[in-house]
PDB file of all heavy atoms in Angstrom:
ATOM      1  N   ALA A   1      42.574  55.873  88.179  1.00  0.00           N
ATOM      2  CA  ALA A   1      43.016  55.793  89.560  1.00  0.00           C
ATOM      3  C   ALA A   1      44.217  56.690  89.796  1.00  0.00           C
ATOM      4  O   ALA A   1      44.912  57.102  88.858  1.00  0.00           O
ATOM      5  CB  ALA A   1      43.364  54.353  89.937  1.00  0.00           C
ATOM      6  N   TRP A   2      44.443  56.975  91.067  1.00  0.00           N
ATOM      7  CA  TRP A   2      45.645  57.659  91.524  1.00  0.00           C
ATOM      8  C   TRP A   2      46.409  56.752  92.473  1.00  0.00           C
ATOM      9  O   TRP A   2      45.821  56.124  93.364  1.00  0.00           O
ATOM     10  CB  TRP A   2      45.318  58.971  92.239  1.00  0.00           C
ATOM     11  CG  TRP A   2      44.793  60.043  91.331  1.00  0.00           C
ATOM     12  CD1 TRP A   2      43.500  60.322  91.052  1.00  0.00           C
ATOM     13  CD2 TRP A   2      45.579  60.985  90.597  1.00  0.00           C
ATOM     14  NE1 TRP A   2      43.420  61.385  90.184  1.00  0.00           N
ATOM     15  CE2 TRP A   2      44.674  61.812  89.883  1.00  0.00           C
ATOM     16  CE3 TRP A   2      46.950  61.215  90.471  1.00  0.00           C
ATOM     17  CZ2 TRP A   2      45.106  62.849  89.057  1.00  0.00           C
ATOM     18  CZ3 TRP A   2      47.378  62.243  89.643  1.00  0.00           C
ATOM     19  CH2 TRP A   2      46.460  63.042  88.953  1.00  0.00           C
ATOM     20  N   PHE A   3      47.706  56.686  92.272  1.00  0.00           N
ATOM     21  CA  PHE A   3      48.633  56.009  93.165  1.00  0.00           C
ATOM     22  C   PHE A   3      49.697  57.015  93.585  1.00  0.00           C
ATOM     23  O   PHE A   3      49.853  58.065  92.962  1.00  0.00           O
ATOM     24  CB  PHE A   3      49.295  54.814  92.475  1.00  0.00           C
ATOM     25  CG  PHE A   3      48.347  53.704  92.118  1.00  0.00           C
ATOM     26  CD1 PHE A   3      47.529  53.791  91.005  1.00  0.00           C
ATOM     27  CD2 PHE A   3      48.277  52.559  92.899  1.00  0.00           C
ATOM     28  CE1 PHE A   3      46.663  52.766  90.672  1.00  0.00           C
ATOM     29  CE2 PHE A   3      47.419  51.521  92.581  1.00  0.00           C
ATOM     30  CZ  PHE A   3      46.609  51.628  91.469  1.00  0.00           C
ATOM     31  N   ARG A   4      50.433  56.688  94.622  1.00  0.00           N
ATOM     32  CA  ARG A   4      51.532  57.549  95.039  1.00  0.00           C
ATOM     33  C   ARG A   4      52.699  56.710  95.532  1.00  0.00           C
ATOM     34  O   ARG A   4      52.531  55.591  95.997  1.00  0.00           O
ATOM     35  CB  ARG A   4      51.095  58.543  96.123  1.00  0.00           C
ATOM     36  CG  ARG A   4      50.682  57.901  97.437  1.00  0.00           C
ATOM     37  CD  ARG A   4      50.071  58.947  98.358  1.00  0.00           C
ATOM     38  NE  ARG A   4      49.593  58.357  99.607  1.00  0.00           N
ATOM     39  CZ  ARG A   4      48.836  58.979 100.486  1.00  0.00           C
ATOM     40  NH1 ARG A   4      48.462  60.245 100.266  1.00  0.00           N
ATOM     41  NH2 ARG A   4      48.446  58.369 101.599  1.00  0.00           N
ATOM     42  N   GLN A   5      53.876  57.284  95.420  1.00  0.00           N
ATOM     43  CA  GLN A   5      55.084  56.598  95.861  1.00  0.00           C
ATOM     44  C   GLN A   5      55.988  57.594  96.577  1.00  0.00           C
ATOM     45  O   GLN A   5      56.481  58.549  95.974  1.00  0.00           O
ATOM     46  CB  GLN A   5      55.823  55.968  94.684  1.00  0.00           C
ATOM     47  CG  GLN A   5      56.998  55.117  95.106  1.00  0.00           C
ATOM     48  CD  GLN A   5      57.553  54.289  93.965  1.00  0.00           C
ATOM     49  OE1 GLN A   5      57.422  54.660  92.800  1.00  0.00           O
ATOM     50  NE2 GLN A   5      58.159  53.168  94.294  1.00  0.00           N
ATOM     51  N   ALA A   6      56.188  57.355  97.852  1.00  0.00           N
ATOM     52  CA  ALA A   6      57.090  58.165  98.647  1.00  0.00           C
ATOM     53  C   ALA A   6      58.511  57.647  98.486  1.00  0.00           C
ATOM     54  O   ALA A   6      58.721  56.475  98.152  1.00  0.00           O
ATOM     55  CB  ALA A   6      56.678  58.130 100.115  1.00  0.00           C
ATOM     56  N   PRO A   7      59.509  58.494  98.726  1.00  0.00           N
ATOM     57  CA  PRO A   7      60.898  58.049  98.589  1.00  0.00           C
ATOM     58  C   PRO A   7      61.201  56.827  99.443  1.00  0.00           C
ATOM     59  O   PRO A   7      60.886  56.801 100.635  1.00  0.00           O
ATOM     60  CB  PRO A   7      61.705  59.262  99.052  1.00  0.00           C
ATOM     61  CG  PRO A   7      60.809  60.430  98.792  1.00  0.00           C
ATOM     62  CD  PRO A   7      59.425  59.924  99.072  1.00  0.00           C
ATOM     63  N   GLY A   8      61.780  55.814  98.832  1.00  0.00           N
ATOM     64  CA  GLY A   8      62.162  54.614  99.540  1.00  0.00           C
ATOM     65  C   GLY A   8      61.025  53.670  99.886  1.00  0.00           C
ATOM     66  O   GLY A   8      61.251  52.674 100.578  1.00  0.00           O
ATOM     67  N   LYS A   9      59.818  53.959  99.413  1.00  0.00           N
ATOM     68  CA  LYS A   9      58.664  53.135  99.733  1.00  0.00           C
ATOM     69  C   LYS A   9      58.020  52.588  98.469  1.00  0.00           C
ATOM     70  O   LYS A   9      58.268  53.067  97.364  1.00  0.00           O
ATOM     71  CB  LYS A   9      57.640  53.932 100.542  1.00  0.00           C
ATOM     72  CG  LYS A   9      58.145  54.383 101.898  1.00  0.00           C
ATOM     73  CD  LYS A   9      57.051  55.068 102.691  1.00  0.00           C
ATOM     74  CE  LYS A   9      57.540  55.467 104.063  1.00  0.00           C
ATOM     75  NZ  LYS A   9      56.467  56.130 104.859  1.00  0.00           N
ATOM     76  N   GLU A  10      57.193  51.571  98.657  1.00  0.00           N
ATOM     77  CA  GLU A  10      56.457  50.996  97.542  1.00  0.00           C
ATOM     78  C   GLU A  10      55.337  51.932  97.103  1.00  0.00           C
ATOM     79  O   GLU A  10      54.809  52.712  97.893  1.00  0.00           O
ATOM     80  CB  GLU A  10      55.870  49.643  97.937  1.00  0.00           C
ATOM     81  CG  GLU A  10      56.894  48.587  98.316  1.00  0.00           C
ATOM     82  CD  GLU A  10      57.726  48.153  97.141  1.00  0.00           C
ATOM     83  OE1 GLU A  10      57.197  48.086  96.011  1.00  0.00           O
ATOM     84  OE2 GLU A  10      58.918  47.870  97.337  1.00  0.00           O
ATOM     85  N   ARG A  11      54.971  51.830  95.845  1.00  0.00           N
ATOM     86  CA  ARG A  11      53.844  52.597  95.345  1.00  0.00           C
ATOM     87  C   ARG A  11      52.558  52.072  95.977  1.00  0.00           C
ATOM     88  O   ARG A  11      52.356  50.863  96.107  1.00  0.00           O
ATOM     89  CB  ARG A  11      53.782  52.494  93.824  1.00  0.00           C
ATOM     90  CG  ARG A  11      52.729  53.385  93.192  1.00  0.00           C
ATOM     91  CD  ARG A  11      53.064  53.699  91.751  1.00  0.00           C
ATOM     92  NE  ARG A  11      53.283  52.504  90.963  1.00  0.00           N
ATOM     93  CZ  ARG A  11      53.856  52.497  89.768  1.00  0.00           C
ATOM     94  NH1 ARG A  11      54.280  53.632  89.231  1.00  0.00           N
ATOM     95  NH2 ARG A  11      54.014  51.359  89.122  1.00  0.00           N
ATOM     96  N   GLU A  12      51.694  52.976  96.389  1.00  0.00           N
ATOM     97  CA  GLU A  12      50.457  52.590  97.044  1.00  0.00           C
ATOM     98  C   GLU A  12      49.253  53.220  96.362  1.00  0.00           C
ATOM     99  O   GLU A  12      49.328  54.307  95.788  1.00  0.00           O
ATOM    100  CB  GLU A  12      50.474  52.988  98.531  1.00  0.00           C
ATOM    101  CG  GLU A  12      50.461  54.478  98.777  1.00  0.00           C
ATOM    102  CD  GLU A  12      50.232  54.840 100.237  1.00  0.00           C
ATOM    103  OE1 GLU A  12      49.711  54.007 100.999  1.00  0.00           O
ATOM    104  OE2 GLU A  12      50.574  55.979 100.616  1.00  0.00           O
ATOM    105  N   PHE A  13      48.142  52.533  96.474  1.00  0.00           N
ATOM    106  CA  PHE A  13      46.885  53.000  95.927  1.00  0.00           C
ATOM    107  C   PHE A  13      46.356  54.165  96.746  1.00  0.00           C
ATOM    108  O   PHE A  13      46.457  54.178  97.970  1.00  0.00           O
ATOM    109  CB  PHE A  13      45.872  51.857  95.929  1.00  0.00           C
ATOM    110  CG  PHE A  13      44.473  52.286  95.633  1.00  0.00           C
ATOM    111  CD1 PHE A  13      44.102  52.656  94.354  1.00  0.00           C
ATOM    112  CD2 PHE A  13      43.526  52.320  96.631  1.00  0.00           C
ATOM    113  CE1 PHE A  13      42.809  53.056  94.074  1.00  0.00           C
ATOM    114  CE2 PHE A  13      42.228  52.713  96.370  1.00  0.00           C
ATOM    115  CZ  PHE A  13      41.878  53.079  95.083  1.00  0.00           C
ATOM    116  N   VAL A  14      45.748  55.142  96.066  1.00  0.00           N
ATOM    117  CA  VAL A  14      45.140  56.286  96.726  1.00  0.00           C
ATOM    118  C   VAL A  14      43.632  56.324  96.487  1.00  0.00           C
ATOM    119  O   VAL A  14      42.842  56.332  97.434  1.00  0.00           O
ATOM    120  CB  VAL A  14      45.779  57.609  96.268  1.00  0.00           C
ATOM    121  CG1 VAL A  14      45.091  58.794  96.939  1.00  0.00           C
ATOM    122  CG2 VAL A  14      47.276  57.610  96.567  1.00  0.00           C
ATOM    123  N   ALA A  15      43.215  56.360  95.224  1.00  0.00           N
ATOM    124  CA  ALA A  15      41.799  56.497  94.901  1.00  0.00           C
ATOM    125  C   ALA A  15      41.548  56.019  93.485  1.00  0.00           C
ATOM    126  O   ALA A  15      42.442  56.049  92.640  1.00  0.00           O
ATOM    127  CB  ALA A  15      41.344  57.954  95.050  1.00  0.00           C
ATOM    128  N   ALA A  16      40.312  55.593  93.221  1.00  0.00           N
ATOM    129  CA  ALA A  16      39.930  55.161  91.884  1.00  0.00           C
ATOM    130  C   ALA A  16      38.503  55.598  91.594  1.00  0.00           C
ATOM    131  O   ALA A  16      37.702  55.807  92.507  1.00  0.00           O
ATOM    132  CB  ALA A  16      40.052  53.646  91.736  1.00  0.00           C
ATOM    133  N   ILE A  17      38.178  55.698  90.305  1.00  0.00           N
ATOM    134  CA  ILE A  17      36.858  56.125  89.872  1.00  0.00           C
ATOM    135  C   ILE A  17      36.490  55.377  88.602  1.00  0.00           C
ATOM    136  O   ILE A  17      37.336  55.138  87.738  1.00  0.00           O
ATOM    137  CB  ILE A  17      36.820  57.660  89.667  1.00  0.00           C
ATOM    138  CG1 ILE A  17      35.402  58.157  89.401  1.00  0.00           C
ATOM    139  CG2 ILE A  17      37.774  58.083  88.550  1.00  0.00           C
ATOM    140  CD1 ILE A  17      35.288  59.683  89.493  1.00  0.00           C
ATOM    141  N   SER A  18      35.220  54.985  88.492  1.00  0.00           N
ATOM    142  CA  SER A  18      34.772  54.260  87.320  1.00  0.00           C
ATOM    143  C   SER A  18      34.635  55.189  86.120  1.00  0.00           C
ATOM    144  O   SER A  18      34.659  56.413  86.243  1.00  0.00           O
ATOM    145  CB  SER A  18      33.442  53.559  87.596  1.00  0.00           C
ATOM    146  OG  SER A  18      32.419  54.500  87.878  1.00  0.00           O
ATOM    147  N   TRP A  19      34.453  54.583  84.960  1.00  0.00           N
ATOM    148  CA  TRP A  19      34.411  55.346  83.711  1.00  0.00           C
ATOM    149  C   TRP A  19      33.310  56.398  83.701  1.00  0.00           C
ATOM    150  O   TRP A  19      33.473  57.466  83.106  1.00  0.00           O
ATOM    151  CB  TRP A  19      34.234  54.394  82.528  1.00  0.00           C
ATOM    152  CG  TRP A  19      32.859  53.798  82.452  1.00  0.00           C
ATOM    153  CD1 TRP A  19      32.387  52.715  83.132  1.00  0.00           C
ATOM    154  CD2 TRP A  19      31.776  54.272  81.647  1.00  0.00           C
ATOM    155  NE1 TRP A  19      31.074  52.484  82.805  1.00  0.00           N
ATOM    156  CE2 TRP A  19      30.679  53.417  81.895  1.00  0.00           C
ATOM    157  CE3 TRP A  19      31.633  55.324  80.748  1.00  0.00           C
ATOM    158  CZ2 TRP A  19      29.454  53.600  81.265  1.00  0.00           C
ATOM    159  CZ3 TRP A  19      30.408  55.500  80.126  1.00  0.00           C
ATOM    160  CH2 TRP A  19      29.336  54.646  80.386  1.00  0.00           C
ATOM    161  N   ASN A  20      32.184  56.099  84.365  1.00  0.00           N
ATOM    162  CA  ASN A  20      31.057  57.021  84.386  1.00  0.00           C
ATOM    163  C   ASN A  20      30.937  57.764  85.710  1.00  0.00           C
ATOM    164  O   ASN A  20      29.926  58.424  85.957  1.00  0.00           O
ATOM    165  CB  ASN A  20      29.764  56.275  84.081  1.00  0.00           C
ATOM    166  CG  ASN A  20      29.427  55.225  85.122  1.00  0.00           C
ATOM    167  OD1 ASN A  20      30.201  54.976  86.042  1.00  0.00           O
ATOM    168  ND2 ASN A  20      28.274  54.598  84.970  1.00  0.00           N
ATOM    169  N   ALA A  21      31.950  57.651  86.558  1.00  0.00           N
ATOM    170  CA  ALA A  21      32.008  58.292  87.871  1.00  0.00           C
ATOM    171  C   ALA A  21      30.972  57.747  88.844  1.00  0.00           C
ATOM    172  O   ALA A  21      30.741  58.344  89.891  1.00  0.00           O
ATOM    173  CB  ALA A  21      31.875  59.808  87.755  1.00  0.00           C
ATOM    174  N   GLY A  22      30.364  56.617  88.524  1.00  0.00           N
ATOM    175  CA  GLY A  22      29.354  56.050  89.386  1.00  0.00           C
ATOM    176  C   GLY A  22      29.891  55.319  90.605  1.00  0.00           C
ATOM    177  O   GLY A  22      29.159  55.110  91.574  1.00  0.00           O
ATOM    178  N   ARG A  23      31.133  54.927  90.558  1.00  0.00           N
ATOM    179  CA  ARG A  23      31.761  54.222  91.670  1.00  0.00           C
ATOM    180  C   ARG A  23      33.103  54.859  91.979  1.00  0.00           C
ATOM    181  O   ARG A  23      33.839  55.245  91.069  1.00  0.00           O
ATOM    182  CB  ARG A  23      31.946  52.741  91.344  1.00  0.00           C
ATOM    183  CG  ARG A  23      30.651  51.975  91.179  1.00  0.00           C
ATOM    184  CD  ARG A  23      30.919  50.524  90.859  1.00  0.00           C
ATOM    185  NE  ARG A  23      29.676  49.787  90.662  1.00  0.00           N
ATOM    186  CZ  ARG A  23      29.005  49.189  91.630  1.00  0.00           C
ATOM    187  NH1 ARG A  23      29.448  49.235  92.888  1.00  0.00           N
ATOM    188  NH2 ARG A  23      27.883  48.540  91.350  1.00  0.00           N
ATOM    189  N   LYS A  24      33.402  54.944  93.264  1.00  0.00           N
ATOM    190  CA  LYS A  24      34.671  55.476  93.739  1.00  0.00           C
ATOM    191  C   LYS A  24      35.218  54.589  94.832  1.00  0.00           C
ATOM    192  O   LYS A  24      34.479  53.935  95.558  1.00  0.00           O
ATOM    193  CB  LYS A  24      34.509  56.902  94.272  1.00  0.00           C
ATOM    194  CG  LYS A  24      34.039  57.914  93.237  1.00  0.00           C
ATOM    195  CD  LYS A  24      33.862  59.285  93.860  1.00  0.00           C
ATOM    196  CE  LYS A  24      33.373  60.297  92.846  1.00  0.00           C
ATOM    197  NZ  LYS A  24      33.186  61.644  93.464  1.00  0.00           N
ATOM    198  N   LEU A  25      36.529  54.585  94.954  1.00  0.00           N
ATOM    199  CA  LEU A  25      37.205  53.801  95.972  1.00  0.00           C
ATOM    200  C   LEU A  25      38.377  54.610  96.504  1.00  0.00           C
ATOM    201  O   LEU A  25      39.122  55.210  95.720  1.00  0.00           O
ATOM    202  CB  LEU A  25      37.703  52.476  95.393  1.00  0.00           C
ATOM    203  CG  LEU A  25      38.439  51.530  96.340  1.00  0.00           C
ATOM    204  CD1 LEU A  25      37.476  50.971  97.384  1.00  0.00           C
ATOM    205  CD2 LEU A  25      39.088  50.394  95.557  1.00  0.00           C
ATOM    206  N   TYR A  26      38.539  54.621  97.828  1.00  0.00           N
ATOM    207  CA  TYR A  26      39.626  55.335  98.466  1.00  0.00           C
ATOM    208  C   TYR A  26      40.363  54.422  99.424  1.00  0.00           C
ATOM    209  O   TYR A  26      39.748  53.572 100.080  1.00  0.00           O
ATOM    210  CB  TYR A  26      39.116  56.528  99.271  1.00  0.00           C
ATOM    211  CG  TYR A  26      38.409  57.585  98.466  1.00  0.00           C
ATOM    212  CD1 TYR A  26      37.031  57.567  98.319  1.00  0.00           C
ATOM    213  CD2 TYR A  26      39.128  58.618  97.873  1.00  0.00           C
ATOM    214  CE1 TYR A  26      36.380  58.549  97.592  1.00  0.00           C
ATOM    215  CE2 TYR A  26      38.483  59.605  97.146  1.00  0.00           C
ATOM    216  CZ  TYR A  26      37.106  59.567  97.011  1.00  0.00           C
ATOM    217  OH  TYR A  26      36.460  60.551  96.295  1.00  0.00           O
ATOM    218  N   THR A  27      41.662  54.614  99.522  1.00  0.00           N
ATOM    219  CA  THR A  27      42.385  53.955 100.586  1.00  0.00           C
ATOM    220  C   THR A  27      41.983  54.598 101.913  1.00  0.00           C
ATOM    221  O   THR A  27      41.608  55.771 101.971  1.00  0.00           O
ATOM    222  CB  THR A  27      43.903  54.042 100.353  1.00  0.00           C
ATOM    223  OG1 THR A  27      44.583  53.149 101.239  1.00  0.00           O
ATOM    224  CG2 THR A  27      44.421  55.443 100.574  1.00  0.00           C
ATOM    225  N   ASP A  28      42.028  53.819 102.983  1.00  0.00           N
ATOM    226  CA  ASP A  28      41.489  54.275 104.263  1.00  0.00           C
ATOM    227  C   ASP A  28      42.117  55.577 104.743  1.00  0.00           C
ATOM    228  O   ASP A  28      41.435  56.426 105.324  1.00  0.00           O
ATOM    229  CB  ASP A  28      41.681  53.198 105.327  1.00  0.00           C
ATOM    230  CG  ASP A  28      40.731  52.034 105.167  1.00  0.00           C
ATOM    231  OD1 ASP A  28      39.739  52.163 104.427  1.00  0.00           O
ATOM    232  OD2 ASP A  28      40.980  50.987 105.794  1.00  0.00           O
ATOM    233  N   SER A  29      43.387  55.754 104.516  1.00  0.00           N
ATOM    234  CA  SER A  29      44.087  56.900 105.075  1.00  0.00           C
ATOM    235  C   SER A  29      43.652  58.238 104.485  1.00  0.00           C
ATOM    236  O   SER A  29      43.909  59.285 105.085  1.00  0.00           O
ATOM    237  CB  SER A  29      45.598  56.735 104.908  1.00  0.00           C
ATOM    238  OG  SER A  29      45.972  56.752 103.548  1.00  0.00           O
ATOM    239  N   VAL A  30      42.998  58.230 103.325  1.00  0.00           N
ATOM    240  CA  VAL A  30      42.599  59.484 102.688  1.00  0.00           C
ATOM    241  C   VAL A  30      41.097  59.712 102.708  1.00  0.00           C
ATOM    242  O   VAL A  30      40.632  60.773 102.266  1.00  0.00           O
ATOM    243  CB  VAL A  30      43.113  59.590 101.241  1.00  0.00           C
ATOM    244  CG1 VAL A  30      44.609  59.306 101.181  1.00  0.00           C
ATOM    245  CG2 VAL A  30      42.352  58.660 100.305  1.00  0.00           C
ATOM    246  N   LYS A  31      40.332  58.768 103.214  1.00  0.00           N
ATOM    247  CA  LYS A  31      38.879  58.919 103.251  1.00  0.00           C
ATOM    248  C   LYS A  31      38.492  60.144 104.062  1.00  0.00           C
ATOM    249  O   LYS A  31      38.999  60.374 105.155  1.00  0.00           O
ATOM    250  CB  LYS A  31      38.227  57.670 103.840  1.00  0.00           C
ATOM    251  CG  LYS A  31      38.272  56.467 102.929  1.00  0.00           C
ATOM    252  CD  LYS A  31      37.623  55.261 103.581  1.00  0.00           C
ATOM    253  CE  LYS A  31      37.655  54.061 102.656  1.00  0.00           C
ATOM    254  NZ  LYS A  31      37.087  52.858 103.303  1.00  0.00           N
ATOM    255  N   GLY A  32      37.592  60.929 103.503  1.00  0.00           N
ATOM    256  CA  GLY A  32      37.154  62.145 104.163  1.00  0.00           C
ATOM    257  C   GLY A  32      38.007  63.353 103.871  1.00  0.00           C
ATOM    258  O   GLY A  32      37.615  64.479 104.200  1.00  0.00           O
ATOM    259  N   ARG A  33      39.175  63.153 103.272  1.00  0.00           N
ATOM    260  CA  ARG A  33      40.069  64.263 102.962  1.00  0.00           C
ATOM    261  C   ARG A  33      40.306  64.439 101.468  1.00  0.00           C
ATOM    262  O   ARG A  33      40.470  65.560 100.996  1.00  0.00           O
ATOM    263  CB  ARG A  33      41.419  64.081 103.649  1.00  0.00           C
ATOM    264  CG  ARG A  33      41.346  64.099 105.165  1.00  0.00           C
ATOM    265  CD  ARG A  33      42.738  64.093 105.785  1.00  0.00           C
ATOM    266  NE  ARG A  33      43.473  62.881 105.423  1.00  0.00           N
ATOM    267  CZ  ARG A  33      44.574  62.862 104.670  1.00  0.00           C
ATOM    268  NH1 ARG A  33      45.076  63.995 104.192  1.00  0.00           N
ATOM    269  NH2 ARG A  33      45.174  61.715 104.405  1.00  0.00           N
ATOM    270  N   PHE A  34      40.357  63.338 100.731  1.00  0.00           N
ATOM    271  CA  PHE A  34      40.605  63.387  99.298  1.00  0.00           C
ATOM    272  C   PHE A  34      39.316  63.104  98.544  1.00  0.00           C
ATOM    273  O   PHE A  34      38.472  62.317  99.001  1.00  0.00           O
ATOM    274  CB  PHE A  34      41.640  62.342  98.880  1.00  0.00           C
ATOM    275  CG  PHE A  34      43.052  62.626  99.304  1.00  0.00           C
ATOM    276  CD1 PHE A  34      43.357  63.600 100.239  1.00  0.00           C
ATOM    277  CD2 PHE A  34      44.088  61.884  98.753  1.00  0.00           C
ATOM    278  CE1 PHE A  34      44.663  63.845 100.628  1.00  0.00           C
ATOM    279  CE2 PHE A  34      45.399  62.114  99.130  1.00  0.00           C
ATOM    280  CZ  PHE A  34      45.695  63.091 100.062  1.00  0.00           C
ATOM    281  N   ILE A  35      39.172  63.708  97.375  1.00  0.00           N
ATOM    282  CA  ILE A  35      38.021  63.479  96.513  1.00  0.00           C
ATOM    283  C   ILE A  35      38.520  63.236  95.100  1.00  0.00           C
ATOM    284  O   ILE A  35      39.225  64.074  94.532  1.00  0.00           O
ATOM    285  CB  ILE A  35      37.049  64.669  96.522  1.00  0.00           C
ATOM    286  CG1 ILE A  35      36.547  64.957  97.941  1.00  0.00           C
ATOM    287  CG2 ILE A  35      35.867  64.389  95.588  1.00  0.00           C
ATOM    288  CD1 ILE A  35      35.785  66.260  98.060  1.00  0.00           C
ATOM    289  N   ILE A  36      38.142  62.097  94.536  1.00  0.00           N
ATOM    290  CA  ILE A  36      38.451  61.822  93.139  1.00  0.00           C
ATOM    291  C   ILE A  36      37.220  62.151  92.305  1.00  0.00           C
ATOM    292  O   ILE A  36      36.086  61.865  92.701  1.00  0.00           O
ATOM    293  CB  ILE A  36      38.920  60.367  92.928  1.00  0.00           C
ATOM    294  CG1 ILE A  36      39.441  60.173  91.502  1.00  0.00           C
ATOM    295  CG2 ILE A  36      37.826  59.366  93.268  1.00  0.00           C
ATOM    296  CD1 ILE A  36      40.171  58.854  91.297  1.00  0.00           C
TER     297      ILE A  36
END
């Protein structure tokens, strides 16, 4: 998975991928723009 933390903010989830790449998950704000 990828997480990110902006200055002064809590760390947030960005995207995740299963061991075989069969499943992916994205936070709503990056859907359509980011690819894991």
